[in-house]
Amino acid sequence: MNKKIGFIGCGNMGGAMVGGLIKSGFIRKEDLIVSTKTEASGSNLKKNFGVETTLSNKIVAEQSDILILAVKPFLYKKVIEEIKECLSKDKVIVTIAAGVTINSMEYWLGEGYKIVRTMPNTPALVGEAMSAICANKNVSEEDMDYVFKIYKSFGDYVELEEKDFDGFIALCGSSPAYVFMFIEAMADAAVKLGIPRAKAYKMASKSVLGSAKMVLDTGKHPGELKDMVCSPAGTTIDAVVELEKQGFRSAVIEAMIKCAEKSKSM
């Protein structure tokens, strides 16, 4: 028997997950149901992915075996109060929000519920998400295996202790924004040097993609791979020295620390 996966809310992250699930072929469209805030959002989802949509969070909660809460962190308590009467303790409730802890969920729901805390990132839409996953004691190995398969369908995942989620959010949850800024800056420089913008974006993006693949496929330290590009008295080492002068690595580190601190305070 196929499990029914439900999403309450379907903004940027929820939409990326739904899109990733559909594109992977892991689940049939008829085994997905999504609640949206407006009819327009629901119509767009139907048009783009062919999934069932509703304006009722309760309907999604009632029909789902795996319930993914894809709303903003400040809405979690309100949504749980709304749907609690529709939740049985055999359902697996999955969170994807920064700052919403397992303890908070257990407090709002009461004892005995199966809660899985996750943090995916938006590359789920292209099948390249990186997600963190942890669960409370009520979640069985079989339940976890199914959740792992969901997240594997649109990327990869790590099991992580909940105490490390703030660091993960800084490293993976928010980092696509940093990378997009880097690609944009590279392309701007290329345009200044005379390369057409469309070509500049393509070349910058492929360079980032290829470099990341080298780290993953070779297993070499990023510093070693960097040294391989830096010929003595060559062009690359001049660029690297300038980046160091401008505080490139320090800026990235400080930005991630700020991000983690914000996550802790939510």
Protein backbone atom coordinates (compact mmCIF):
# COMPACT_ATOMS: atom_id res chain seq x y z
CA MET A 1 0.00 0.00 0.00
CA ASN A 2 1.35 3.42 -0.95
CA LYS A 3 1.67 6.01 1.78
CA LYS A 4 -0.06 9.34 1.35
CA ILE A 5 2.20 12.34 1.78
CA GLY A 6 0.60 15.64 2.74
CA PHE A 7 2.01 19.16 2.78
CA ILE A 8 0.48 21.92 4.86
CA GLY A 9 1.78 25.05 3.17
CA CYS A 10 3.68 25.10 -0.08
CA GLY A 11 5.90 28.16 -0.34
CA ASN A 12 9.44 28.17 -1.71
CA MET A 13 10.67 25.20 0.32
CA GLY A 14 7.47 23.16 0.20
CA GLY A 15 7.19 23.79 -3.53
CA ALA A 16 10.79 22.67 -4.05
CA MET A 17 10.11 19.45 -2.14
CA VAL A 18 6.88 18.72 -3.99
CA GLY A 19 8.60 19.38 -7.31
CA GLY A 20 11.53 17.18 -6.34
CA LEU A 21 9.28 14.31 -5.27
CA ILE A 22 7.29 14.44 -8.50
CA LYS A 23 10.34 14.71 -10.76
CA SER A 24 12.08 11.79 -9.03
CA GLY A 25 9.12 9.47 -9.61
CA PHE A 26 9.30 8.35 -5.97
CA ILE A 27 5.58 8.92 -5.45
CA ARG A 28 2.51 9.01 -7.65
CA LYS A 29 0.80 12.37 -8.03
CA GLU A 30 -2.40 10.90 -6.58
CA ASP A 31 -0.53 10.04 -3.36
CA LEU A 32 0.28 13.70 -2.69
CA ILE A 33 -2.07 16.28 -1.21
CA VAL A 34 -1.23 19.92 -0.48
CA SER A 35 -3.05 22.67 1.38
CA THR A 36 -2.48 26.21 0.16
CA LYS A 37 -3.42 29.61 1.51
CA THR A 38 -5.17 30.77 -1.65
CA GLU A 39 -7.00 29.22 -4.59
CA ALA A 40 -4.49 30.86 -6.93
CA SER A 41 -1.60 29.02 -5.24
CA GLY A 42 -3.52 25.76 -5.46
CA SER A 43 -4.24 26.29 -9.15
CA ASN A 44 -0.56 26.92 -9.85
CA LEU A 45 0.42 23.71 -8.07
CA LYS A 46 -2.16 21.71 -10.00
CA LYS A 47 -0.96 23.23 -13.25
CA ASN A 48 2.76 22.71 -12.54
CA PHE A 49 2.70 19.33 -10.79
CA GLY A 50 -0.79 17.84 -11.18
CA VAL A 51 -1.23 17.24 -7.44
CA GLU A 52 -4.42 17.41 -5.38
CA THR A 53 -4.80 20.68 -3.51
CA THR A 54 -7.19 22.06 -0.91
CA LEU A 55 -7.64 25.17 1.20
CA SER A 56 -8.24 22.99 4.29
CA ASN A 57 -5.32 22.05 6.52
CA LYS A 58 -7.60 19.59 8.34
CA ILE A 59 -8.29 17.59 5.18
CA VAL A 60 -4.55 17.22 4.58
CA ALA A 61 -3.97 16.19 8.20
CA GLU A 62 -6.74 13.59 8.06
CA GLN A 63 -5.68 12.02 4.77
CA SER A 64 -1.89 11.92 5.21
CA ASP A 65 0.28 9.10 6.54
CA ILE A 66 3.32 11.39 6.39
CA LEU A 67 2.42 15.00 7.19
CA ILE A 68 4.98 17.67 6.27
CA LEU A 69 4.46 21.06 7.92
CA ALA A 70 5.88 23.52 5.39
CA VAL A 71 4.72 26.78 6.97
CA LYS A 72 6.70 29.64 8.50
CA PRO A 73 8.06 28.94 12.02
CA PHE A 74 5.75 31.49 13.69
CA LEU A 75 2.69 29.68 12.29
CA TYR A 76 3.48 26.23 13.67
CA LYS A 77 1.66 26.56 17.00
CA LYS A 78 -1.45 27.95 15.31
CA VAL A 79 -1.51 25.24 12.64
CA ILE A 80 -1.04 22.47 15.21
CA GLU A 81 -3.91 23.82 17.32
CA GLU A 82 -6.06 23.82 14.16
CA ILE A 83 -5.28 20.26 13.04
CA LYS A 84 -4.60 18.45 16.34
CA GLU A 85 -8.02 16.81 16.46
CA CYS A 86 -7.32 15.28 13.03
CA LEU A 87 -4.01 13.71 14.01
CA SER A 88 -3.65 10.09 15.10
CA LYS A 89 -0.49 8.83 16.75
CA ASP A 90 0.36 6.50 13.88
CA LYS A 91 1.00 9.44 11.53
CA VAL A 92 4.53 10.74 11.07
CA ILE A 93 4.69 14.52 11.48
CA VAL A 94 7.64 16.15 9.72
CA THR A 95 8.83 19.71 10.37
CA ILE A 96 11.07 21.78 8.09
CA ALA A 97 11.26 25.06 10.03
CA ALA A 98 14.23 26.76 11.62
CA GLY A 99 13.78 27.22 15.36
CA VAL A 100 10.92 24.70 15.76
CA THR A 101 12.38 22.05 18.06
CA ILE A 102 11.15 18.55 18.80
CA ASN A 103 10.48 19.69 22.39
CA SER A 104 8.23 22.48 21.10
CA MET A 105 6.31 20.05 18.92
CA GLU A 106 5.87 17.59 21.79
CA TYR A 107 4.64 20.39 24.03
CA TRP A 108 2.06 21.56 21.49
CA LEU A 109 0.91 18.07 20.49
CA GLY A 110 1.19 16.14 23.74
CA GLU A 111 2.73 12.72 24.32
CA GLY A 112 3.00 9.80 21.93
CA TYR A 113 3.24 11.53 18.56
CA LYS A 114 5.84 10.62 15.95
CA ILE A 115 7.87 13.73 15.17
CA VAL A 116 10.71 14.05 12.67
CA ARG A 117 12.62 17.32 12.47
CA THR A 118 14.24 18.04 9.12
CA MET A 119 15.93 20.91 7.35
CA PRO A 120 16.12 20.65 3.55
CA ASN A 121 17.32 23.34 1.15
CA THR A 122 15.84 24.67 -2.09
CA PRO A 123 18.03 22.67 -4.53
CA ALA A 124 15.42 19.97 -3.82
CA LEU A 125 13.69 21.37 -6.90
CA VAL A 126 16.52 20.10 -9.12
CA GLY A 127 17.12 16.89 -7.18
CA GLU A 128 20.22 18.20 -5.36
CA ALA A 129 19.00 19.07 -1.86
CA MET A 130 21.12 18.61 1.24
CA SER A 131 18.93 17.86 4.26
CA ALA A 132 19.42 17.17 7.97
CA ILE A 133 17.11 14.74 9.79
CA CYS A 134 16.50 13.72 13.41
CA ALA A 135 13.50 12.22 15.23
CA ASN A 136 11.95 11.67 18.64
CA LYS A 137 11.79 8.29 20.35
CA ASN A 138 8.32 7.46 19.01
CA VAL A 139 9.49 7.16 15.40
CA SER A 140 10.21 3.57 14.35
CA GLU A 141 13.06 2.40 12.13
CA GLU A 142 10.50 1.66 9.42
CA ASP A 143 9.10 5.20 9.67
CA MET A 144 12.59 6.69 9.50
CA ASP A 145 13.51 4.54 6.52
CA TYR A 146 10.51 5.94 4.63
CA VAL A 147 11.39 9.53 5.56
CA PHE A 148 14.97 8.89 4.41
CA LYS A 149 13.64 7.66 1.07
CA ILE A 150 11.50 10.82 0.70
CA TYR A 151 14.52 13.05 1.23
CA LYS A 152 16.80 10.87 -0.89
CA SER A 153 14.33 11.28 -3.76
CA PHE A 154 15.27 14.95 -4.16
CA GLY A 155 18.90 14.98 -3.03
CA ASP A 156 20.86 13.64 -0.09
CA TYR A 157 20.59 13.79 3.70
CA VAL A 158 22.54 13.39 6.92
CA GLU A 159 21.27 12.20 10.28
CA LEU A 160 22.26 14.92 12.71
CA GLU A 161 21.82 15.54 16.41
CA GLU A 162 19.27 18.26 16.99
CA LYS A 163 21.83 20.42 18.81
CA ASP A 164 23.70 20.77 15.50
CA PHE A 165 20.74 21.99 13.44
CA ASP A 166 21.58 25.69 13.83
CA GLY A 167 25.00 25.06 12.34
CA PHE A 168 23.44 23.00 9.56
CA ILE A 169 21.04 25.82 8.72
CA ALA A 170 23.98 28.20 8.33
CA LEU A 171 25.97 25.67 6.30
CA CYS A 172 23.26 24.23 4.04
CA GLY A 173 19.83 25.72 4.68
CA SER A 174 20.87 29.29 3.86
CA SER A 175 23.99 28.69 1.78
CA PRO A 176 22.26 28.55 -1.63
CA ALA A 177 21.74 32.30 -1.19
CA TYR A 178 25.48 32.79 -0.61
CA VAL A 179 26.32 30.72 -3.68
CA PHE A 180 23.81 32.60 -5.84
CA MET A 181 25.43 35.87 -4.74
CA PHE A 182 28.86 34.48 -5.63
CA ILE A 183 27.65 33.40 -9.09
CA GLU A 184 26.05 36.80 -9.64
CA ALA A 185 29.25 38.61 -8.62
CA MET A 186 31.35 36.40 -10.91
CA ALA A 187 28.99 37.10 -13.80
CA ASP A 188 29.01 40.86 -13.12
CA ALA A 189 32.80 40.84 -13.31
CA ALA A 190 32.65 38.83 -16.55
CA VAL A 191 30.24 41.38 -18.04
CA LYS A 192 32.64 44.16 -17.07
CA LEU A 193 35.35 42.21 -18.90
CA GLY A 194 33.17 42.07 -22.03
CA ILE A 195 31.38 38.70 -21.82
CA PRO A 196 27.61 38.75 -22.59
CA ARG A 197 25.53 38.32 -19.42
CA ALA A 198 23.64 35.16 -20.39
CA LYS A 199 26.90 33.41 -21.25
CA ALA A 200 28.52 34.76 -18.08
CA TYR A 201 25.78 33.26 -15.85
CA LYS A 202 26.08 29.89 -17.60
CA MET A 203 29.86 29.79 -17.34
CA ALA A 204 29.93 30.95 -13.71
CA SER A 205 27.28 28.40 -12.71
CA LYS A 206 29.04 25.52 -14.47
CA SER A 207 32.34 26.48 -12.82
CA VAL A 208 30.72 26.34 -9.36
CA LEU A 209 28.98 23.05 -10.17
CA GLY A 210 32.15 21.46 -11.52
CA SER A 211 34.25 22.62 -8.58
CA ALA A 212 31.77 21.18 -6.08
CA LYS A 213 31.75 17.88 -7.98
CA MET A 214 35.55 17.75 -7.81
CA VAL A 215 35.42 18.02 -4.01
CA LEU A 216 32.82 15.26 -3.76
CA ASP A 217 34.27 12.90 -6.36
CA THR A 218 37.99 13.18 -5.55
CA GLY A 219 37.70 13.31 -1.76
CA LYS A 220 40.58 15.79 -1.77
CA HIS A 221 40.75 18.69 0.69
CA PRO A 222 39.37 21.90 -0.90
CA GLY A 223 42.68 23.62 -0.11
CA GLU A 224 44.58 20.97 -2.07
CA LEU A 225 42.27 21.42 -5.06
CA LYS A 226 42.72 25.19 -4.82
CA ASP A 227 46.51 24.75 -4.83
CA MET A 228 46.24 22.64 -7.99
CA VAL A 229 44.78 25.65 -9.83
CA CYS A 230 47.32 28.14 -8.50
CA SER A 231 50.37 27.97 -10.75
CA PRO A 232 53.51 29.83 -9.52
CA ALA A 233 53.33 33.51 -10.51
CA GLY A 234 50.13 32.74 -12.43
CA THR A 235 46.78 34.48 -12.78
CA THR A 236 44.86 32.45 -10.19
CA ILE A 237 47.18 33.12 -7.27
CA ASP A 238 46.83 36.87 -7.90
CA ALA A 239 43.04 36.49 -7.69
CA VAL A 240 43.32 34.38 -4.51
CA VAL A 241 45.61 36.95 -2.86
CA GLU A 242 43.11 39.71 -3.67
CA LEU A 243 40.25 37.67 -2.22
CA GLU A 244 42.25 37.18 0.97
CA LYS A 245 42.98 40.93 1.10
CA GLN A 246 39.25 41.64 0.84
CA GLY A 247 38.44 39.19 3.65
CA PHE A 248 36.63 36.65 1.47
CA ARG A 249 36.87 33.65 3.81
CA SER A 250 36.37 35.75 6.91
CA ALA A 251 33.19 37.26 5.43
CA VAL A 252 31.77 33.79 4.69
CA ILE A 253 32.59 32.52 8.18
CA GLU A 254 31.12 35.58 9.91
CA ALA A 255 27.98 35.42 7.76
CA MET A 256 27.42 31.78 8.73
CA ILE A 257 27.92 32.53 12.41
CA LYS A 258 25.33 35.34 12.16
CA CYS A 259 22.95 32.93 10.41
CA ALA A 260 23.36 30.28 13.14
CA GLU A 261 22.83 32.87 15.88
CA LYS A 262 19.60 34.01 14.21
CA SER A 263 18.44 30.40 13.98
CA LYS A 264 19.09 29.88 17.70
CA SER A 265 17.06 32.97 18.57
CA MET A 266 13.97 31.95 16.57
